Amino acid sequence: MTEILSYTACRRSSQMFIAVIFFHVSEYFLAAFIHGKSSVTLKSLLISKHYLLVMVFSLLEYLIEVTFFPELKEYWVISDLGLVLVVVGEIIRKTAIITAGKSFTHMIRVRPDERHQLVTHGIYKFIHHPGYCGFLIWSVGTQIMLCNPLSTIGFAVVVWKFFNSRIPYEEYFLRQFFGMQYAEYAQQVGSGVPFVN
């Protein structure tokens, strides 16, 4: 039981706690700053029942493995790689939000809005869904940082499946709003999510 209080366990769990809190609080404050506090809801924190469920599973996996298989948690190079992925994913996502400004929302727009513009500069010049790309990298990175093999695979699959269904739905509306301009842009720039065009 002392493994739960070990240096490794405390460092990893505190890194995870800080990463999750920073991600969600910064999402909320960026949304409030860009769209105005009155336009922001708890959905801007991006916390859902499914998200809480996978986070609880991740925590359970971590606690079980650190208690019964503490040697699995001693791979510092792997954990540090996960930390790098968390930071890179965070930077990509927040850069996307700031670059898109009022054109970035947490909910897919299904009606035209005069504030909504097609953003193709900055990070969008290289990735046409950098927010999704950043979240995928961040979420998988959190599990690599914890040295959670099951949750690493689980997060990669679940997040990829989510974006595999969300991106085509969103792109349907983007093609409706921006026509050929969006079609050409999407053909030239990759989505940022592997195997999702």
N, C-alpha and C. Protein backbone atom coordinates (compact mmCIF):
# COMPACT_ATOMS: atom_id res chain seq x y z
N MET A 1 0.81 -1.20 0.00
CA MET A 1 0.00 0.00 0.00
C MET A 1 0.85 1.27 0.00
N THR A 2 2.10 1.15 0.45
CA THR A 2 2.98 2.32 0.49
C THR A 2 3.33 2.81 -0.91
N GLU A 3 3.13 1.95 -1.93
CA GLU A 3 3.44 2.35 -3.31
C GLU A 3 2.59 3.54 -3.74
N ILE A 4 1.36 3.65 -3.22
CA ILE A 4 0.46 4.74 -3.58
C ILE A 4 1.02 6.07 -3.11
N LEU A 5 1.83 6.05 -2.03
CA LEU A 5 2.42 7.26 -1.48
C LEU A 5 3.87 7.45 -1.91
N SER A 6 4.35 6.62 -2.80
CA SER A 6 5.75 6.72 -3.25
C SER A 6 5.96 8.00 -4.06
N TYR A 7 7.22 8.34 -4.23
CA TYR A 7 7.57 9.54 -5.02
C TYR A 7 7.00 9.44 -6.42
N THR A 8 7.16 8.27 -7.05
CA THR A 8 6.67 8.08 -8.42
C THR A 8 5.16 8.28 -8.48
N ALA A 9 4.44 7.65 -7.58
CA ALA A 9 2.98 7.75 -7.59
C ALA A 9 2.52 9.19 -7.35
N CYS A 10 3.14 9.85 -6.41
CA CYS A 10 2.75 11.24 -6.10
C CYS A 10 3.07 12.18 -7.27
N ARG A 11 4.23 11.99 -7.87
CA ARG A 11 4.61 12.86 -9.00
C ARG A 11 3.66 12.65 -10.17
N ARG A 12 3.42 11.40 -10.53
CA ARG A 12 2.56 11.12 -11.69
C ARG A 12 1.12 11.59 -11.45
N SER A 13 0.59 11.28 -10.28
CA SER A 13 -0.80 11.67 -10.02
C SER A 13 -0.94 13.18 -9.94
N SER A 14 0.06 13.87 -9.39
CA SER A 14 -0.02 15.34 -9.35
C SER A 14 0.11 15.93 -10.75
N GLN A 15 0.97 15.35 -11.61
CA GLN A 15 1.07 15.82 -13.00
C GLN A 15 -0.27 15.65 -13.71
N MET A 16 -0.90 14.52 -13.49
CA MET A 16 -2.19 14.25 -14.12
C MET A 16 -3.24 15.25 -13.63
N PHE A 17 -3.29 15.45 -12.33
CA PHE A 17 -4.24 16.38 -11.73
C PHE A 17 -4.05 17.78 -12.31
N ILE A 18 -2.82 18.24 -12.36
CA ILE A 18 -2.52 19.58 -12.89
C ILE A 18 -2.89 19.65 -14.37
N ALA A 19 -2.56 18.62 -15.14
CA ALA A 19 -2.88 18.62 -16.58
C ALA A 19 -4.38 18.71 -16.83
N VAL A 20 -5.15 17.93 -16.10
CA VAL A 20 -6.61 17.92 -16.28
C VAL A 20 -7.23 19.24 -15.85
N ILE A 21 -6.83 19.73 -14.69
CA ILE A 21 -7.37 21.02 -14.20
C ILE A 21 -7.00 22.14 -15.16
N PHE A 22 -5.73 22.22 -15.57
CA PHE A 22 -5.31 23.29 -16.48
C PHE A 22 -6.07 23.21 -17.80
N PHE A 23 -6.22 22.01 -18.35
CA PHE A 23 -6.91 21.86 -19.63
C PHE A 23 -8.32 22.43 -19.54
N HIS A 24 -9.09 21.99 -18.56
CA HIS A 24 -10.50 22.36 -18.50
C HIS A 24 -10.71 23.81 -18.07
N VAL A 25 -9.94 24.28 -17.13
CA VAL A 25 -10.08 25.67 -16.69
C VAL A 25 -9.67 26.62 -17.81
N SER A 26 -8.60 26.31 -18.51
CA SER A 26 -8.16 27.19 -19.61
C SER A 26 -9.16 27.16 -20.76
N GLU A 27 -9.79 26.01 -21.02
CA GLU A 27 -10.84 25.94 -22.05
C GLU A 27 -11.99 26.89 -21.68
N TYR A 28 -12.38 26.83 -20.43
CA TYR A 28 -13.49 27.66 -19.97
C TYR A 28 -13.15 29.15 -20.07
N PHE A 29 -11.97 29.52 -19.57
CA PHE A 29 -11.60 30.94 -19.59
C PHE A 29 -11.38 31.45 -21.01
N LEU A 30 -10.81 30.65 -21.88
CA LEU A 30 -10.66 31.09 -23.27
C LEU A 30 -12.03 31.29 -23.92
N ALA A 31 -12.95 30.37 -23.68
CA ALA A 31 -14.30 30.51 -24.23
C ALA A 31 -14.97 31.76 -23.68
N ALA A 32 -14.83 32.01 -22.39
CA ALA A 32 -15.43 33.20 -21.78
C ALA A 32 -14.81 34.47 -22.34
N PHE A 33 -13.50 34.48 -22.53
CA PHE A 33 -12.81 35.65 -23.06
C PHE A 33 -13.21 35.91 -24.52
N ILE A 34 -13.27 34.86 -25.32
CA ILE A 34 -13.55 35.01 -26.75
C ILE A 34 -15.04 35.28 -27.02
N HIS A 35 -15.91 34.54 -26.35
CA HIS A 35 -17.34 34.63 -26.65
C HIS A 35 -18.14 35.42 -25.64
N GLY A 36 -17.53 35.82 -24.54
CA GLY A 36 -18.24 36.53 -23.48
C GLY A 36 -18.77 35.54 -22.46
N LYS A 37 -18.68 35.91 -21.21
CA LYS A 37 -19.05 35.00 -20.13
C LYS A 37 -20.50 34.53 -20.23
N SER A 38 -21.39 35.40 -20.73
CA SER A 38 -22.81 35.02 -20.82
C SER A 38 -23.06 33.92 -21.85
N SER A 39 -22.14 33.73 -22.79
CA SER A 39 -22.29 32.71 -23.83
C SER A 39 -21.71 31.36 -23.43
N VAL A 40 -21.02 31.31 -22.31
CA VAL A 40 -20.29 30.11 -21.92
C VAL A 40 -21.11 29.31 -20.91
N THR A 41 -21.17 28.00 -21.15
CA THR A 41 -21.87 27.10 -20.23
C THR A 41 -20.89 26.07 -19.69
N LEU A 42 -21.38 25.19 -18.86
CA LEU A 42 -20.52 24.13 -18.34
C LEU A 42 -20.02 23.21 -19.46
N LYS A 43 -20.72 23.18 -20.59
CA LYS A 43 -20.24 22.37 -21.71
C LYS A 43 -18.89 22.88 -22.21
N SER A 44 -18.60 24.14 -21.94
CA SER A 44 -17.30 24.69 -22.34
C SER A 44 -16.16 24.06 -21.56
N LEU A 45 -16.45 23.41 -20.46
CA LEU A 45 -15.42 22.68 -19.72
C LEU A 45 -15.13 21.33 -20.35
N LEU A 46 -15.96 20.92 -21.31
CA LEU A 46 -15.80 19.66 -22.04
C LEU A 46 -15.82 18.44 -21.12
N ILE A 47 -16.69 18.46 -20.14
CA ILE A 47 -16.81 17.32 -19.24
C ILE A 47 -18.17 16.67 -19.46
N SER A 48 -18.15 15.40 -19.82
CA SER A 48 -19.39 14.65 -20.06
C SER A 48 -19.37 13.40 -19.20
N LYS A 49 -20.47 12.67 -19.20
CA LYS A 49 -20.53 11.41 -18.45
C LYS A 49 -19.50 10.42 -18.98
N HIS A 50 -19.36 10.33 -20.31
CA HIS A 50 -18.39 9.40 -20.90
C HIS A 50 -16.96 9.78 -20.52
N TYR A 51 -16.70 11.08 -20.54
CA TYR A 51 -15.37 11.55 -20.18
C TYR A 51 -15.06 11.20 -18.73
N LEU A 52 -16.01 11.45 -17.83
CA LEU A 52 -15.80 11.11 -16.42
C LEU A 52 -15.59 9.61 -16.24
N LEU A 53 -16.32 8.82 -16.99
CA LEU A 53 -16.20 7.37 -16.91
C LEU A 53 -14.80 6.91 -17.30
N VAL A 54 -14.26 7.42 -18.41
CA VAL A 54 -12.92 6.99 -18.83
C VAL A 54 -11.86 7.52 -17.87
N MET A 55 -12.09 8.70 -17.30
CA MET A 55 -11.13 9.22 -16.33
C MET A 55 -11.13 8.38 -15.05
N VAL A 56 -12.30 7.94 -14.61
CA VAL A 56 -12.38 7.07 -13.43
C VAL A 56 -11.69 5.74 -13.73
N PHE A 57 -11.94 5.17 -14.93
CA PHE A 57 -11.27 3.93 -15.31
C PHE A 57 -9.75 4.12 -15.30
N SER A 58 -9.30 5.25 -15.82
CA SER A 58 -7.87 5.55 -15.86
C SER A 58 -7.29 5.61 -14.45
N LEU A 59 -7.99 6.27 -13.56
CA LEU A 59 -7.54 6.38 -12.18
C LEU A 59 -7.51 5.01 -11.50
N LEU A 60 -8.54 4.21 -11.73
CA LEU A 60 -8.57 2.86 -11.16
C LEU A 60 -7.43 2.01 -11.69
N GLU A 61 -7.20 2.08 -13.01
CA GLU A 61 -6.07 1.33 -13.57
C GLU A 61 -4.78 1.76 -12.90
N TYR A 62 -4.59 3.06 -12.76
CA TYR A 62 -3.36 3.57 -12.17
C TYR A 62 -3.19 3.05 -10.74
N LEU A 63 -4.25 3.17 -9.94
CA LEU A 63 -4.16 2.74 -8.54
C LEU A 63 -3.92 1.24 -8.40
N ILE A 64 -4.59 0.45 -9.22
CA ILE A 64 -4.39 -1.01 -9.18
C ILE A 64 -2.96 -1.36 -9.58
N GLU A 65 -2.49 -0.76 -10.67
CA GLU A 65 -1.14 -1.09 -11.15
C GLU A 65 -0.06 -0.59 -10.20
N VAL A 66 -0.22 0.61 -9.64
CA VAL A 66 0.81 1.13 -8.74
C VAL A 66 0.84 0.33 -7.44
N THR A 67 -0.29 -0.26 -7.06
CA THR A 67 -0.35 -1.07 -5.84
C THR A 67 0.20 -2.47 -6.06
N PHE A 68 -0.22 -3.13 -7.14
CA PHE A 68 0.14 -4.53 -7.34
C PHE A 68 1.31 -4.75 -8.31
N PHE A 69 1.54 -3.80 -9.19
CA PHE A 69 2.63 -3.93 -10.17
C PHE A 69 3.41 -2.60 -10.24
N PRO A 70 3.98 -2.15 -9.13
CA PRO A 70 4.61 -0.82 -9.12
C PRO A 70 5.74 -0.67 -10.13
N GLU A 71 6.35 -1.80 -10.51
CA GLU A 71 7.44 -1.71 -11.49
C GLU A 71 6.95 -1.19 -12.85
N LEU A 72 5.66 -1.36 -13.15
CA LEU A 72 5.10 -0.83 -14.40
C LEU A 72 5.13 0.70 -14.44
N LYS A 73 5.17 1.32 -13.29
CA LYS A 73 5.11 2.77 -13.20
C LYS A 73 6.49 3.42 -13.11
N GLU A 74 7.54 2.63 -13.21
CA GLU A 74 8.90 3.15 -13.05
C GLU A 74 9.60 3.48 -14.37
N TYR A 75 8.88 3.50 -15.45
CA TYR A 75 9.48 3.81 -16.75
C TYR A 75 9.44 5.32 -16.97
N TRP A 76 10.45 6.01 -16.43
CA TRP A 76 10.47 7.47 -16.45
C TRP A 76 10.53 8.03 -17.86
N VAL A 77 11.24 7.37 -18.76
CA VAL A 77 11.33 7.87 -20.14
C VAL A 77 9.94 7.86 -20.78
N ILE A 78 9.20 6.81 -20.56
CA ILE A 78 7.84 6.72 -21.12
C ILE A 78 6.95 7.78 -20.49
N SER A 79 7.02 7.91 -19.18
CA SER A 79 6.20 8.91 -18.49
C SER A 79 6.54 10.32 -18.95
N ASP A 80 7.82 10.61 -19.09
CA ASP A 80 8.23 11.94 -19.55
C ASP A 80 7.81 12.19 -20.99
N LEU A 81 7.82 11.15 -21.83
CA LEU A 81 7.29 11.28 -23.19
C LEU A 81 5.81 11.65 -23.14
N GLY A 82 5.07 11.01 -22.24
CA GLY A 82 3.65 11.35 -22.07
C GLY A 82 3.47 12.80 -21.65
N LEU A 83 4.32 13.27 -20.74
CA LEU A 83 4.25 14.67 -20.31
C LEU A 83 4.51 15.61 -21.48
N VAL A 84 5.48 15.28 -22.31
CA VAL A 84 5.75 16.08 -23.51
C VAL A 84 4.52 16.10 -24.43
N LEU A 85 3.89 14.95 -24.61
CA LEU A 85 2.69 14.88 -25.45
C LEU A 85 1.55 15.72 -24.86
N VAL A 86 1.41 15.71 -23.55
CA VAL A 86 0.39 16.53 -22.89
C VAL A 86 0.62 18.00 -23.21
N VAL A 87 1.86 18.44 -23.07
CA VAL A 87 2.19 19.85 -23.33
C VAL A 87 1.99 20.18 -24.81
N VAL A 88 2.47 19.32 -25.70
CA VAL A 88 2.32 19.56 -27.15
C VAL A 88 0.83 19.59 -27.53
N GLY A 89 0.06 18.64 -27.04
CA GLY A 89 -1.37 18.62 -27.33
C GLY A 89 -2.07 19.87 -26.83
N GLU A 90 -1.71 20.29 -25.64
CA GLU A 90 -2.27 21.52 -25.06
C GLU A 90 -1.93 22.73 -25.91
N ILE A 91 -0.68 22.84 -26.33
CA ILE A 91 -0.25 23.98 -27.16
C ILE A 91 -0.99 23.98 -28.50
N ILE A 92 -1.10 22.83 -29.14
CA ILE A 92 -1.79 22.75 -30.43
C ILE A 92 -3.25 23.17 -30.26
N ARG A 93 -3.92 22.64 -29.26
CA ARG A 93 -5.34 22.95 -29.07
C ARG A 93 -5.56 24.42 -28.72
N LYS A 94 -4.79 24.94 -27.78
CA LYS A 94 -5.00 26.34 -27.38
C LYS A 94 -4.61 27.29 -28.51
N THR A 95 -3.59 26.94 -29.29
CA THR A 95 -3.24 27.76 -30.46
C THR A 95 -4.39 27.78 -31.45
N ALA A 96 -5.05 26.63 -31.63
CA ALA A 96 -6.20 26.56 -32.53
C ALA A 96 -7.33 27.45 -32.04
N ILE A 97 -7.62 27.41 -30.76
CA ILE A 97 -8.70 28.22 -30.19
C ILE A 97 -8.40 29.71 -30.36
N ILE A 98 -7.19 30.10 -30.02
CA ILE A 98 -6.83 31.52 -30.10
C ILE A 98 -6.81 31.98 -31.55
N THR A 99 -6.27 31.16 -32.45
CA THR A 99 -6.20 31.54 -33.87
C THR A 99 -7.60 31.69 -34.46
N ALA A 100 -8.49 30.77 -34.16
CA ALA A 100 -9.84 30.82 -34.74
C ALA A 100 -10.71 31.88 -34.08
N GLY A 101 -10.43 32.22 -32.85
CA GLY A 101 -11.20 33.26 -32.17
C GLY A 101 -12.68 32.92 -32.10
N LYS A 102 -13.52 33.83 -32.53
CA LYS A 102 -14.98 33.63 -32.47
C LYS A 102 -15.46 32.52 -33.39
N SER A 103 -14.64 32.09 -34.31
CA SER A 103 -15.03 30.98 -35.20
C SER A 103 -14.89 29.63 -34.51
N PHE A 104 -14.22 29.59 -33.36
CA PHE A 104 -14.06 28.34 -32.62
C PHE A 104 -15.16 28.24 -31.58
N THR A 105 -15.89 27.13 -31.63
CA THR A 105 -16.90 26.87 -30.59
C THR A 105 -16.78 25.41 -30.18
N HIS A 106 -17.28 25.10 -29.00
CA HIS A 106 -17.25 23.72 -28.53
C HIS A 106 -18.39 22.90 -29.12
N MET A 107 -19.42 23.56 -29.57
CA MET A 107 -20.57 22.89 -30.19
C MET A 107 -20.50 23.12 -31.70
N ILE A 108 -20.80 22.10 -32.48
CA ILE A 108 -20.76 22.24 -33.94
C ILE A 108 -21.87 23.18 -34.39
N ARG A 109 -21.50 24.15 -35.19
CA ARG A 109 -22.50 25.08 -35.73
C ARG A 109 -23.29 24.37 -36.82
N VAL A 110 -24.60 24.46 -36.73
CA VAL A 110 -25.46 23.86 -37.76
C VAL A 110 -26.24 24.93 -38.52
N ARG A 111 -26.05 26.19 -38.13
CA ARG A 111 -26.66 27.32 -38.83
C ARG A 111 -25.58 28.35 -39.12
N PRO A 112 -25.67 29.03 -40.25
CA PRO A 112 -24.69 30.08 -40.55
C PRO A 112 -24.72 31.18 -39.50
N ASP A 113 -23.57 31.77 -39.26
CA ASP A 113 -23.43 32.86 -38.29
C ASP A 113 -22.45 33.85 -38.91
N GLU A 114 -22.80 35.13 -38.89
CA GLU A 114 -21.95 36.14 -39.53
C GLU A 114 -20.57 36.23 -38.88
N ARG A 115 -20.43 35.79 -37.63
CA ARG A 115 -19.12 35.82 -36.97
C ARG A 115 -18.25 34.63 -37.37
N HIS A 116 -18.86 33.63 -37.98
CA HIS A 116 -18.14 32.40 -38.33
C HIS A 116 -17.42 32.60 -39.67
N GLN A 117 -16.11 32.51 -39.61
CA GLN A 117 -15.28 32.65 -40.81
C GLN A 117 -14.45 31.39 -41.00
N LEU A 118 -14.11 31.11 -42.25
CA LEU A 118 -13.21 29.99 -42.52
C LEU A 118 -11.79 30.44 -42.18
N VAL A 119 -11.18 29.76 -41.23
CA VAL A 119 -9.84 30.11 -40.78
C VAL A 119 -8.86 29.16 -41.45
N THR A 120 -7.93 29.73 -42.22
CA THR A 120 -6.95 28.91 -42.94
C THR A 120 -5.51 29.39 -42.69
N HIS A 121 -5.33 30.30 -41.75
CA HIS A 121 -4.00 30.82 -41.45
C HIS A 121 -3.52 30.25 -40.11
N GLY A 122 -2.29 30.60 -39.75
CA GLY A 122 -1.73 30.11 -38.49
C GLY A 122 -1.63 28.59 -38.50
N ILE A 123 -1.99 27.97 -37.41
CA ILE A 123 -1.91 26.51 -37.30
C ILE A 123 -2.86 25.83 -38.28
N TYR A 124 -3.93 26.52 -38.67
CA TYR A 124 -4.90 25.96 -39.61
C TYR A 124 -4.32 25.83 -41.01
N LYS A 125 -3.19 26.43 -41.25
CA LYS A 125 -2.49 26.29 -42.53
C LYS A 125 -1.91 24.88 -42.67
N PHE A 126 -1.66 24.23 -41.52
CA PHE A 126 -1.02 22.91 -41.50
C PHE A 126 -1.96 21.77 -41.10
N ILE A 127 -2.98 22.10 -40.31
CA ILE A 127 -3.92 21.09 -39.80
C ILE A 127 -5.31 21.73 -39.85
N HIS A 128 -6.28 21.08 -40.50
CA HIS A 128 -7.58 21.75 -40.56
C HIS A 128 -8.50 21.43 -39.40
N HIS A 129 -8.12 20.55 -38.51
CA HIS A 129 -8.83 20.34 -37.24
C HIS A 129 -7.81 20.28 -36.10
N PRO A 130 -7.06 21.39 -35.89
CA PRO A 130 -6.01 21.35 -34.85
C PRO A 130 -6.55 21.19 -33.44
N GLY A 131 -7.76 21.65 -33.18
CA GLY A 131 -8.34 21.47 -31.85
C GLY A 131 -8.53 20.00 -31.53
N TYR A 132 -9.01 19.25 -32.51
CA TYR A 132 -9.21 17.81 -32.33
C TYR A 132 -7.86 17.09 -32.25
N CYS A 133 -6.94 17.49 -33.10
CA CYS A 133 -5.60 16.91 -33.10
C CYS A 133 -4.94 17.11 -31.73
N GLY A 134 -5.03 18.34 -31.21
CA GLY A 134 -4.44 18.64 -29.91
C GLY A 134 -5.07 17.84 -28.79
N PHE A 135 -6.41 17.69 -28.84
CA PHE A 135 -7.07 16.93 -27.79
C PHE A 135 -6.69 15.46 -27.85
N LEU A 136 -6.60 14.90 -29.05
CA LEU A 136 -6.20 13.50 -29.19
C LEU A 136 -4.80 13.29 -28.61
N ILE A 137 -3.87 14.15 -28.95
CA ILE A 137 -2.50 14.05 -28.43
C ILE A 137 -2.49 14.22 -26.91
N TRP A 138 -3.22 15.22 -26.43
CA TRP A 138 -3.28 15.50 -24.99
C TRP A 138 -3.85 14.30 -24.23
N SER A 139 -4.98 13.79 -24.68
CA SER A 139 -5.66 12.73 -23.93
C SER A 139 -4.84 11.44 -23.90
N VAL A 140 -4.25 11.06 -25.01
CA VAL A 140 -3.41 9.86 -25.03
C VAL A 140 -2.14 10.12 -24.20
N GLY A 141 -1.62 11.33 -24.31
CA GLY A 141 -0.43 11.70 -23.53
C GLY A 141 -0.64 11.58 -22.03
N THR A 142 -1.86 11.91 -21.56
CA THR A 142 -2.11 11.79 -20.11
C THR A 142 -1.95 10.35 -19.65
N GLN A 143 -2.34 9.41 -20.49
CA GLN A 143 -2.27 7.99 -20.11
C GLN A 143 -0.85 7.43 -20.25
N ILE A 144 -0.12 7.92 -21.25
CA ILE A 144 1.29 7.52 -21.37
C ILE A 144 2.06 8.08 -20.17
N MET A 145 1.73 9.30 -19.77
CA MET A 145 2.38 9.93 -18.62
C MET A 145 2.17 9.09 -17.35
N LEU A 146 1.00 8.48 -17.22
CA LEU A 146 0.71 7.63 -16.06
C LEU A 146 1.23 6.20 -16.23
N CYS A 147 1.79 5.90 -17.39
CA CYS A 147 2.22 4.54 -17.73
C CYS A 147 1.04 3.57 -17.58
N ASN A 148 -0.12 3.96 -18.09
CA ASN A 148 -1.34 3.15 -18.07
C ASN A 148 -1.51 2.48 -19.43
N PRO A 149 -1.06 1.25 -19.60
CA PRO A 149 -1.15 0.64 -20.93
C PRO A 149 -2.58 0.43 -21.43
N LEU A 150 -3.48 -0.01 -20.57
CA LEU A 150 -4.86 -0.25 -21.01
C LEU A 150 -5.56 1.06 -21.37
N SER A 151 -5.41 2.06 -20.52
CA SER A 151 -6.06 3.34 -20.77
C SER A 151 -5.43 4.06 -21.96
N THR A 152 -4.14 3.86 -22.21
CA THR A 152 -3.52 4.48 -23.39
C THR A 152 -4.22 3.98 -24.65
N ILE A 153 -4.37 2.68 -24.74
CA ILE A 153 -5.06 2.09 -25.90
C ILE A 153 -6.53 2.52 -25.90
N GLY A 154 -7.17 2.44 -24.74
CA GLY A 154 -8.58 2.81 -24.63
C GLY A 154 -8.84 4.25 -25.03
N PHE A 155 -8.03 5.17 -24.52
CA PHE A 155 -8.22 6.59 -24.86
C PHE A 155 -8.00 6.81 -26.35
N ALA A 156 -6.95 6.19 -26.91
CA ALA A 156 -6.68 6.36 -28.35
C ALA A 156 -7.87 5.90 -29.18
N VAL A 157 -8.42 4.74 -28.85
CA VAL A 157 -9.55 4.19 -29.61
C VAL A 157 -10.80 5.02 -29.42
N VAL A 158 -11.15 5.33 -28.17
CA VAL A 158 -12.39 6.06 -27.89
C VAL A 158 -12.35 7.47 -28.48
N VAL A 159 -11.25 8.18 -28.29
CA VAL A 159 -11.16 9.54 -28.81
C VAL A 159 -11.14 9.52 -30.34
N TRP A 160 -10.41 8.58 -30.93
CA TRP A 160 -10.39 8.49 -32.40
C TRP A 160 -11.79 8.19 -32.94
N LYS A 161 -12.50 7.24 -32.32
CA LYS A 161 -13.86 6.92 -32.79
C LYS A 161 -14.78 8.13 -32.67
N PHE A 162 -14.65 8.88 -31.60
CA PHE A 162 -15.46 10.08 -31.41
C PHE A 162 -15.20 11.06 -32.56
N PHE A 163 -13.93 11.32 -32.85
CA PHE A 163 -13.61 12.27 -33.91
C PHE A 163 -13.93 11.71 -35.29
N ASN A 164 -13.83 10.40 -35.45
CA ASN A 164 -14.17 9.78 -36.73
C ASN A 164 -15.65 9.99 -37.08
N SER A 165 -16.50 10.09 -36.09
CA SER A 165 -17.91 10.39 -36.37
C SER A 165 -18.18 11.89 -36.34
N ARG A 166 -17.50 12.63 -35.49
CA ARG A 166 -17.76 14.07 -35.36
C ARG A 166 -17.24 14.87 -36.56
N ILE A 167 -16.05 14.54 -37.04
CA ILE A 167 -15.45 15.34 -38.12
C ILE A 167 -16.31 15.32 -39.39
N PRO A 168 -16.76 14.16 -39.88
CA PRO A 168 -17.62 14.20 -41.09
C PRO A 168 -18.91 15.00 -40.87
N TYR A 169 -19.48 14.90 -39.68
CA TYR A 169 -20.70 15.67 -39.36
C TYR A 169 -20.40 17.16 -39.42
N GLU A 170 -19.30 17.58 -38.79
CA GLU A 170 -18.92 19.00 -38.80
C GLU A 170 -18.58 19.46 -40.22
N GLU A 171 -17.88 18.61 -40.96
CA GLU A 171 -17.48 19.01 -42.30
C GLU A 171 -18.67 19.15 -43.24
N TYR A 172 -19.72 18.40 -43.00
CA TYR A 172 -20.94 18.57 -43.79
C TYR A 172 -21.41 20.03 -43.71
N PHE A 173 -21.45 20.56 -42.51
CA PHE A 173 -21.92 21.94 -42.32
C PHE A 173 -20.89 22.95 -42.83
N LEU A 174 -19.60 22.67 -42.64
CA LEU A 174 -18.58 23.58 -43.15
C LEU A 174 -18.66 23.68 -44.67
N ARG A 175 -18.94 22.57 -45.35
CA ARG A 175 -19.11 22.59 -46.81
C ARG A 175 -20.37 23.37 -47.19
N GLN A 176 -21.40 23.28 -46.36
CA GLN A 176 -22.62 24.05 -46.62
C GLN A 176 -22.36 25.55 -46.47
N PHE A 177 -21.60 25.92 -45.46
CA PHE A 177 -21.35 27.33 -45.18
C PHE A 177 -20.33 27.95 -46.13
N PHE A 178 -19.28 27.21 -46.46
CA PHE A 178 -18.16 27.80 -47.20
C PHE A 178 -17.95 27.23 -48.60
N GLY A 179 -18.74 26.23 -48.99
CA GLY A 179 -18.73 25.69 -50.34
C GLY A 179 -17.37 25.19 -50.81
N MET A 180 -17.03 25.56 -52.05
CA MET A 180 -15.79 25.10 -52.67
C MET A 180 -14.55 25.59 -51.93
N GLN A 181 -14.66 26.75 -51.32
CA GLN A 181 -13.52 27.28 -50.57
C GLN A 181 -13.10 26.28 -49.48
N TYR A 182 -14.08 25.72 -48.77
CA TYR A 182 -13.75 24.75 -47.73
C TYR A 182 -13.32 23.42 -48.35
N ALA A 183 -14.00 22.99 -49.41
CA ALA A 183 -13.66 21.72 -50.06
C ALA A 183 -12.21 21.71 -50.52
N GLU A 184 -11.76 22.80 -51.13
CA GLU A 184 -10.37 22.89 -51.59
C GLU A 184 -9.40 22.92 -50.41
N TYR A 185 -9.75 23.68 -49.40
CA TYR A 185 -8.90 23.77 -48.21
C TYR A 185 -8.75 22.39 -47.55
N ALA A 186 -9.87 21.69 -47.36
CA ALA A 186 -9.85 20.38 -46.70
C ALA A 186 -9.07 19.35 -47.52
N GLN A 187 -9.09 19.51 -48.83
CA GLN A 187 -8.36 18.57 -49.68
C GLN A 187 -6.85 18.81 -49.61
N GLN A 188 -6.45 20.04 -49.36
CA GLN A 188 -5.03 20.40 -49.34
C GLN A 188 -4.39 20.19 -47.96
N VAL A 189 -5.18 20.29 -46.89
CA VAL A 189 -4.63 20.24 -45.54
C VAL A 189 -5.25 19.06 -44.80
N GLY A 190 -4.40 18.23 -44.19
CA GLY A 190 -4.88 17.06 -43.45
C GLY A 190 -5.67 17.43 -42.20
N SER A 191 -6.48 16.51 -41.74
CA SER A 191 -7.36 16.79 -40.60
C SER A 191 -6.59 16.89 -39.28
N GLY A 192 -5.46 16.22 -39.17
CA GLY A 192 -4.72 16.19 -37.92
C GLY A 192 -5.09 15.01 -37.04
N VAL A 193 -6.11 14.26 -37.46
CA VAL A 193 -6.52 13.05 -36.74
C VAL A 193 -6.24 11.89 -37.69
N PRO A 194 -5.36 10.96 -37.32
CA PRO A 194 -4.98 9.88 -38.24
C PRO A 194 -6.17 9.11 -38.82
N PHE A 195 -6.10 8.88 -40.10
CA PHE A 195 -7.09 8.09 -40.85
C PHE A 195 -8.47 8.71 -40.88
N VAL A 196 -8.57 10.00 -40.61
CA VAL A 196 -9.84 10.72 -40.74
C VAL A 196 -9.60 11.84 -41.73
N ASN A 197 -10.28 11.75 -42.85
CA ASN A 197 -10.10 12.77 -43.91
C ASN A 197 -11.19 13.81 -43.81
